[in-house]
Structures are given as C-alpha cells and as structure tokens.
Amino acid sequence: MRASGPFKYASMSRRAAVTGAALAAMAMLAACSGAQTGAPAEGDMALGAPEGAKVTVVEYASVTCSHCAAWQAQVYPEFKTRYVDTNQVRYVFREFPTAPESVAVAGFLIARCAGPDKYFPVIHEIMASQAEIFGGVPPRSVLLRIANGAGLSEEQFQACVTDADAIKAMDTRIKSALDAGVTGTPYFMVNGEHVADSSLAGLSEKIDAALAAS
C-alpha cells in the first residue's frame, strides 16, 4: 500500500477474522503460565477539547504498527502541544489492530484496563517497545511489564486479556472501522474528512482551515 506523506501505513484485510484475532490473543496469553468515521463512537478515547468541539481529529492506529509508532514519536508531541494541550482540537484515538493482531488486541485491552488516566501512556509505551516485541522478546513479557507498570497485577493482566465482554466490544469497534472504509494505520480524519498527509504540516493545513472557518 502506498505511503501517506512521510508515514506509511500498515494494512488490515477485510478478510481478516477480527473475532478470531481477539480469540487468538486470549489463547496466546492465557495459555502462558505465570459508520461515520468522524462522528463520536462508543468506546472513543479522547484528549483535548470536549465532545462537540469545532475541530475533531480522529486517528485510527495500532500499537503494533511501526508507522503509528513513528508518528507518535515524531509528530504527536508537537501536535499535542499546539492543538490538544490548548484545547483547540478534540483528539480521538481509535483502535485498529494490525499484525500481529493478537498482540495488538491484547495491548489495547491492557490499556483500557489500566484506566482512562493511564490509557494513552500505556498505548505510547507499547508502541515504544516495538523493538522488543519484534526483536525476539516474548510479547507477553513485554505487555506484562507494561501492565505491571500501570498498576495491574499478573492476575489482573490475565483477567484483562481474557475478558469476553471487552473483546466483544473491541470486535464491534473494529468492525465499525472496517465498515467505514478504514483499511490501514495510521489513518487520520479532520472533521470527518480523511487526511492522507499525516505529517504535522499536512494535518495543520486542514486543522487551521477548520479553526479559521466561521
């Protein structure tokens, strides 16, 4: 799939069995010992301006997507300082697992179990740990370490990644994204309009125009 600006995106086929990926996460971890893309959606995690803000930026991303991790490291800090911390923009993060889907699903479940105040730090830490996850360190060890750092015990970690209701809710969110036409990550929307250029300049062009509009 072609790059979007300097940040390419990982693809996820519609044929991928979403529920199967969630179930794979349960099996992998429990077996170890020890709609409208711009509209508010149930389960949204957000920062910045409140719902109904003049400008809403939606990012679909995966904790196992290297391009998402690059965006978080290279663009997000200035984007957050300029638009989120000043409450000019409502930034919405939506989960869209990419390969290995089982690890991504588990990571998202852990972030939600950590609680709203720790959700984004956990997401960012998992992304920052991709070198370990893809470098031979057992994913469960990495995720458990991050979960422990967020205040979850190993027992809570196990319960979190095998929570059938939470997995079903995530399955619904993923299917909604697929139905809306999202096929890869990172995928950005500004007030419901897809923005292919995910650089700060590309996003700012759309955001600033929307802020300036009457």
Foldseek 3Di string as FASTA:
>chain_A
DDAQAPQRWFFDDPPDDLLVLLVVLLCVQLVDPPAFPQADDPPKQKAAADPPALKEKEWEAFLLILSVLVCCVPAVVVCCVVDRVVRNYIYIYAYAADPVNSLRLLQQLLLVLLDSVRNVVSSNQSSVCNCCVVVPNPSNVSSQVSSVVSPDRSVRSSCRSNPPVSSVVSSVRNVNCVVNPDTTPGWMDMNRHTQSHPHNVSVCVVSVVSSPDD
